[in-house]
Amino acid sequence: MKLGVELYTETSLSVDDTTRFELHLTRSGEPVAGSRGLDRYLINGMVILGKRVAACGREAAYGHESTAAGLGLGPLEALPAVSSEIGDNYRGLKLHVDTNAVLDVGLFGSEFSLRITDPEQGRSLDIPLGRPDVRIDWESRGAFVVDLEPLLH
């Protein structure tokens, strides 16, 4: 079974030339091969509500050429996820997020949502992180772990 995991904004997010997001999946504490994603912003700007800000499975850097007009004008959005093989069930599946954009777990929960895609089934699931059934562990400033197992069953 393969999954793609993407982080979306629930509010507008200011980024600058130091903003970064690193995401990866673990299963029962072990890294999921090919799931590491790194998104670096090399531009001062704004990612507007409802846009993808980071994703698993690839590395990308965004500058002026990443905007619609290629001149720093228009919406800024991260590239889609590359799906990772997670095995035959969701047991112990967690998403790790390390960022310098948001350091507090309360803000992280209210400002972002996840989109989890299953390319084999052609389905996606949108999960606002502010939902009461979403468990987010706060490991340190800017480091969060989202328990995906109960959300996918």
C-alpha atoms as a PDB file:
ATOM      1  CA  MET A   1       0.000   0.000   0.000  1.00  0.00           C
ATOM      2  CA  LYS A   2       1.275   3.471  -0.900  1.00  0.00           C
ATOM      3  CA  LEU A   3       0.447   6.842   0.670  1.00  0.00           C
ATOM      4  CA  GLY A   4       1.331  10.438  -0.103  1.00  0.00           C
ATOM      5  CA  VAL A   5       1.213  12.976   2.739  1.00  0.00           C
ATOM      6  CA  GLU A   6       0.971  16.739   2.197  1.00  0.00           C
ATOM      7  CA  LEU A   7       0.754  19.681   4.610  1.00  0.00           C
ATOM      8  CA  TYR A   8      -1.731  22.443   3.690  1.00  0.00           C
ATOM      9  CA  THR A   9      -2.364  25.885   5.165  1.00  0.00           C
ATOM     10  CA  GLU A  10      -5.575  26.614   7.061  1.00  0.00           C
ATOM     11  CA  THR A  11      -4.586  30.305   7.267  1.00  0.00           C
ATOM     12  CA  SER A  12      -2.178  32.436   5.271  1.00  0.00           C
ATOM     13  CA  LEU A  13       1.447  31.732   6.168  1.00  0.00           C
ATOM     14  CA  SER A  14       4.317  34.205   5.858  1.00  0.00           C
ATOM     15  CA  VAL A  15       7.538  32.648   4.590  1.00  0.00           C
ATOM     16  CA  ASP A  16      10.993  34.114   4.208  1.00  0.00           C
ATOM     17  CA  ASP A  17      14.296  32.969   2.782  1.00  0.00           C
ATOM     18  CA  THR A  18      15.003  30.811   5.865  1.00  0.00           C
ATOM     19  CA  THR A  19      11.657  28.971   6.120  1.00  0.00           C
ATOM     20  CA  ARG A  20      11.867  25.198   5.904  1.00  0.00           C
ATOM     21  CA  PHE A  21       9.670  22.146   6.467  1.00  0.00           C
ATOM     22  CA  GLU A  22      11.004  18.620   6.836  1.00  0.00           C
ATOM     23  CA  LEU A  23       8.502  15.755   6.883  1.00  0.00           C
ATOM     24  CA  HIS A  24       8.920  11.999   7.130  1.00  0.00           C
ATOM     25  CA  LEU A  25       6.872   8.958   8.061  1.00  0.00           C
ATOM     26  CA  THR A  26       7.701   6.309  10.638  1.00  0.00           C
ATOM     27  CA  ARG A  27       6.060   2.983  11.266  1.00  0.00           C
ATOM     28  CA  SER A  28       6.441   1.558  14.780  1.00  0.00           C
ATOM     29  CA  GLY A  29       9.395   3.905  15.295  1.00  0.00           C
ATOM     30  CA  GLU A  30      11.248   2.919  12.101  1.00  0.00           C
ATOM     31  CA  PRO A  31      11.612   5.374   9.179  1.00  0.00           C
ATOM     32  CA  VAL A  32       9.525   4.619   6.089  1.00  0.00           C
ATOM     33  CA  ALA A  33      11.908   4.394   3.128  1.00  0.00           C
ATOM     34  CA  GLY A  34      11.533   7.217   0.615  1.00  0.00           C
ATOM     35  CA  SER A  35       9.167   9.275   2.762  1.00  0.00           C
ATOM     36  CA  ARG A  36      11.518  12.138   3.681  1.00  0.00           C
ATOM     37  CA  GLY A  37      10.441  15.467   2.252  1.00  0.00           C
ATOM     38  CA  LEU A  38      12.255  18.791   2.519  1.00  0.00           C
ATOM     39  CA  ASP A  39      10.746  22.100   1.419  1.00  0.00           C
ATOM     40  CA  ARG A  40      12.896  25.251   1.579  1.00  0.00           C
ATOM     41  CA  TYR A  41      11.601  28.706   0.774  1.00  0.00           C
ATOM     42  CA  LEU A  42      14.145  31.091  -0.748  1.00  0.00           C
ATOM     43  CA  ILE A  43      11.712  33.968  -1.144  1.00  0.00           C
ATOM     44  CA  ASN A  44       9.877  36.370   1.142  1.00  0.00           C
ATOM     45  CA  GLY A  45       6.188  35.950   0.561  1.00  0.00           C
ATOM     46  CA  MET A  46       2.892  34.475   1.612  1.00  0.00           C
ATOM     47  CA  VAL A  47       1.416  31.009   1.124  1.00  0.00           C
ATOM     48  CA  ILE A  48      -2.304  31.682   1.019  1.00  0.00           C
ATOM     49  CA  LEU A  49      -5.119  29.702   2.638  1.00  0.00           C
ATOM     50  CA  GLY A  50      -5.655  26.239   1.213  1.00  0.00           C
ATOM     51  CA  LYS A  51      -2.294  25.869  -0.531  1.00  0.00           C
ATOM     52  CA  ARG A  52       0.187  23.023  -0.103  1.00  0.00           C
ATOM     53  CA  VAL A  53       3.194  24.151   1.955  1.00  0.00           C
ATOM     54  CA  ALA A  54       5.175  20.884   2.246  1.00  0.00           C
ATOM     55  CA  ALA A  55       5.002  17.195   1.358  1.00  0.00           C
ATOM     56  CA  CYS A  56       6.683  13.842   1.864  1.00  0.00           C
ATOM     57  CA  GLY A  57       8.845  11.968  -0.615  1.00  0.00           C
ATOM     58  CA  ARG A  58      10.891  14.667  -2.346  1.00  0.00           C
ATOM     59  CA  GLU A  59      13.073  17.744  -1.844  1.00  0.00           C
ATOM     60  CA  ALA A  60      12.246  21.141  -3.307  1.00  0.00           C
ATOM     61  CA  ALA A  61      13.308  24.766  -3.034  1.00  0.00           C
ATOM     62  CA  TYR A  62      11.035  27.670  -3.958  1.00  0.00           C
ATOM     63  CA  GLY A  63      12.111  31.064  -5.233  1.00  0.00           C
ATOM     64  CA  HIS A  64      10.693  33.700  -7.584  1.00  0.00           C
ATOM     65  CA  GLU A  65      10.518  31.185 -10.430  1.00  0.00           C
ATOM     66  CA  SER A  66       8.154  29.026  -8.338  1.00  0.00           C
ATOM     67  CA  THR A  67       5.303  31.522  -8.609  1.00  0.00           C
ATOM     68  CA  ALA A  68       2.744  31.443 -11.407  1.00  0.00           C
ATOM     69  CA  ALA A  69       4.266  34.343 -13.326  1.00  0.00           C
ATOM     70  CA  GLY A  70       7.857  33.364 -12.541  1.00  0.00           C
ATOM     71  CA  LEU A  71       8.475  36.912 -11.336  1.00  0.00           C
ATOM     72  CA  GLY A  72       7.499  36.609  -7.692  1.00  0.00           C
ATOM     73  CA  LEU A  73       3.862  37.328  -8.572  1.00  0.00           C
ATOM     74  CA  GLY A  74       0.955  34.971  -8.063  1.00  0.00           C
ATOM     75  CA  PRO A  75       0.297  32.129  -5.632  1.00  0.00           C
ATOM     76  CA  LEU A  76       3.125  30.161  -4.072  1.00  0.00           C
ATOM     77  CA  GLU A  77       2.533  26.435  -3.551  1.00  0.00           C
ATOM     78  CA  ALA A  78       4.778  23.460  -2.778  1.00  0.00           C
ATOM     79  CA  LEU A  79       5.133  20.515  -5.130  1.00  0.00           C
ATOM     80  CA  PRO A  80       2.904  17.443  -4.622  1.00  0.00           C
ATOM     81  CA  ALA A  81       4.013  14.480  -2.505  1.00  0.00           C
ATOM     82  CA  VAL A  82       5.712  11.421  -3.901  1.00  0.00           C
ATOM     83  CA  SER A  83       3.962   8.369  -2.465  1.00  0.00           C
ATOM     84  CA  SER A  84       5.800   5.957  -0.170  1.00  0.00           C
ATOM     85  CA  GLU A  85       5.259   2.247   0.373  1.00  0.00           C
ATOM     86  CA  ILE A  86       3.963   1.824   3.938  1.00  0.00           C
ATOM     87  CA  GLY A  87       3.196  -1.897   4.051  1.00  0.00           C
ATOM     88  CA  ASP A  88      -0.135  -3.656   4.369  1.00  0.00           C
ATOM     89  CA  ASN A  89      -1.750  -1.651   7.213  1.00  0.00           C
ATOM     90  CA  TYR A  90      -1.573   1.648   9.137  1.00  0.00           C
ATOM     91  CA  ARG A  91      -0.378   0.205  12.472  1.00  0.00           C
ATOM     92  CA  GLY A  92       2.093   2.554  14.193  1.00  0.00           C
ATOM     93  CA  LEU A  93       2.128   5.064  11.309  1.00  0.00           C
ATOM     94  CA  LYS A  94       3.198   8.590  12.302  1.00  0.00           C
ATOM     95  CA  LEU A  95       4.108  11.798  10.506  1.00  0.00           C
ATOM     96  CA  HIS A  96       7.078  13.774  11.833  1.00  0.00           C
ATOM     97  CA  VAL A  97       7.241  17.484  11.019  1.00  0.00           C
ATOM     98  CA  ASP A  98      10.244  19.690  11.743  1.00  0.00           C
ATOM     99  CA  THR A  99       9.875  23.366  10.832  1.00  0.00           C
ATOM    100  CA  ASN A 100      11.019  26.827  11.775  1.00  0.00           C
ATOM    101  CA  ALA A 101       7.792  28.410  10.468  1.00  0.00           C
ATOM    102  CA  VAL A 102       5.642  27.541  13.498  1.00  0.00           C
ATOM    103  CA  LEU A 103       7.210  26.619  16.830  1.00  0.00           C
ATOM    104  CA  ASP A 104       4.139  26.098  19.062  1.00  0.00           C
ATOM    105  CA  VAL A 105       1.914  23.015  18.943  1.00  0.00           C
ATOM    106  CA  GLY A 106      -1.270  25.083  19.376  1.00  0.00           C
ATOM    107  CA  LEU A 107      -0.434  27.221  16.360  1.00  0.00           C
ATOM    108  CA  PHE A 108       0.651  24.179  14.375  1.00  0.00           C
ATOM    109  CA  GLY A 109      -2.696  22.493  15.018  1.00  0.00           C
ATOM    110  CA  SER A 110      -4.743  25.546  14.095  1.00  0.00           C
ATOM    111  CA  GLU A 111      -2.758  26.657  11.026  1.00  0.00           C
ATOM    112  CA  PHE A 112      -2.361  23.406   9.074  1.00  0.00           C
ATOM    113  CA  SER A 113      -4.201  20.414   7.685  1.00  0.00           C
ATOM    114  CA  LEU A 114      -3.079  17.180   6.055  1.00  0.00           C
ATOM    115  CA  ARG A 115      -4.032  15.662   2.750  1.00  0.00           C
ATOM    116  CA  ILE A 116      -3.336  11.945   2.618  1.00  0.00           C
ATOM    117  CA  THR A 117      -3.541  10.414  -0.838  1.00  0.00           C
ATOM    118  CA  ASP A 118      -3.816   6.788  -1.904  1.00  0.00           C
ATOM    119  CA  PRO A 119      -2.702   6.699  -5.556  1.00  0.00           C
ATOM    120  CA  GLU A 120      -3.681   3.048  -6.000  1.00  0.00           C
ATOM    121  CA  GLN A 121      -7.303   3.745  -4.993  1.00  0.00           C
ATOM    122  CA  GLY A 122      -7.400   7.278  -6.420  1.00  0.00           C
ATOM    123  CA  ARG A 123      -8.650   8.682  -3.100  1.00  0.00           C
ATOM    124  CA  SER A 124      -7.598  11.463  -0.768  1.00  0.00           C
ATOM    125  CA  LEU A 125      -8.481  12.388   2.802  1.00  0.00           C
ATOM    126  CA  ASP A 126      -8.279  15.958   4.151  1.00  0.00           C
ATOM    127  CA  ILE A 127      -7.683  16.241   7.905  1.00  0.00           C
ATOM    128  CA  PRO A 128      -7.594  19.630   9.682  1.00  0.00           C
ATOM    129  CA  LEU A 129      -5.023  19.282  12.469  1.00  0.00           C
ATOM    130  CA  GLY A 130      -7.259  21.313  14.798  1.00  0.00           C
ATOM    131  CA  ARG A 131      -9.804  18.477  15.007  1.00  0.00           C
ATOM    132  CA  PRO A 132     -10.218  17.135  18.550  1.00  0.00           C
ATOM    133  CA  ASP A 133      -9.459  13.555  17.473  1.00  0.00           C
ATOM    134  CA  VAL A 134      -6.051  14.477  15.988  1.00  0.00           C
ATOM    135  CA  ARG A 135      -3.200  13.608  18.327  1.00  0.00           C
ATOM    136  CA  ILE A 136      -0.129  15.824  17.964  1.00  0.00           C
ATOM    137  CA  ASP A 137       2.910  15.234  20.155  1.00  0.00           C
ATOM    138  CA  TRP A 138       5.151  18.255  20.665  1.00  0.00           C
ATOM    139  CA  GLU A 139       8.728  16.955  20.741  1.00  0.00           C
ATOM    140  CA  SER A 140      10.382  20.387  20.874  1.00  0.00           C
ATOM    141  CA  ARG A 141      10.025  23.860  19.389  1.00  0.00           C
ATOM    142  CA  GLY A 142       8.999  23.317  15.778  1.00  0.00           C
ATOM    143  CA  ALA A 143       9.073  19.501  16.029  1.00  0.00           C
ATOM    144  CA  PHE A 144       5.717  17.703  15.932  1.00  0.00           C
ATOM    145  CA  VAL A 145       4.542  14.105  15.546  1.00  0.00           C
ATOM    146  CA  VAL A 146       1.043  13.396  14.201  1.00  0.00           C
ATOM    147  CA  ASP A 147      -0.388   9.945  14.914  1.00  0.00           C
ATOM    148  CA  LEU A 148      -1.921   8.855  11.602  1.00  0.00           C
ATOM    149  CA  GLU A 149      -3.080   5.373  12.572  1.00  0.00           C
ATOM    150  CA  PRO A 150      -6.405   6.340  14.236  1.00  0.00           C
ATOM    151  CA  LEU A 151      -7.179   8.840  11.472  1.00  0.00           C
ATOM    152  CA  LEU A 152      -6.863   6.271   8.690  1.00  0.00           C
ATOM    153  CA  HIS A 153      -9.020   3.524  10.163  1.00  0.00           C
END
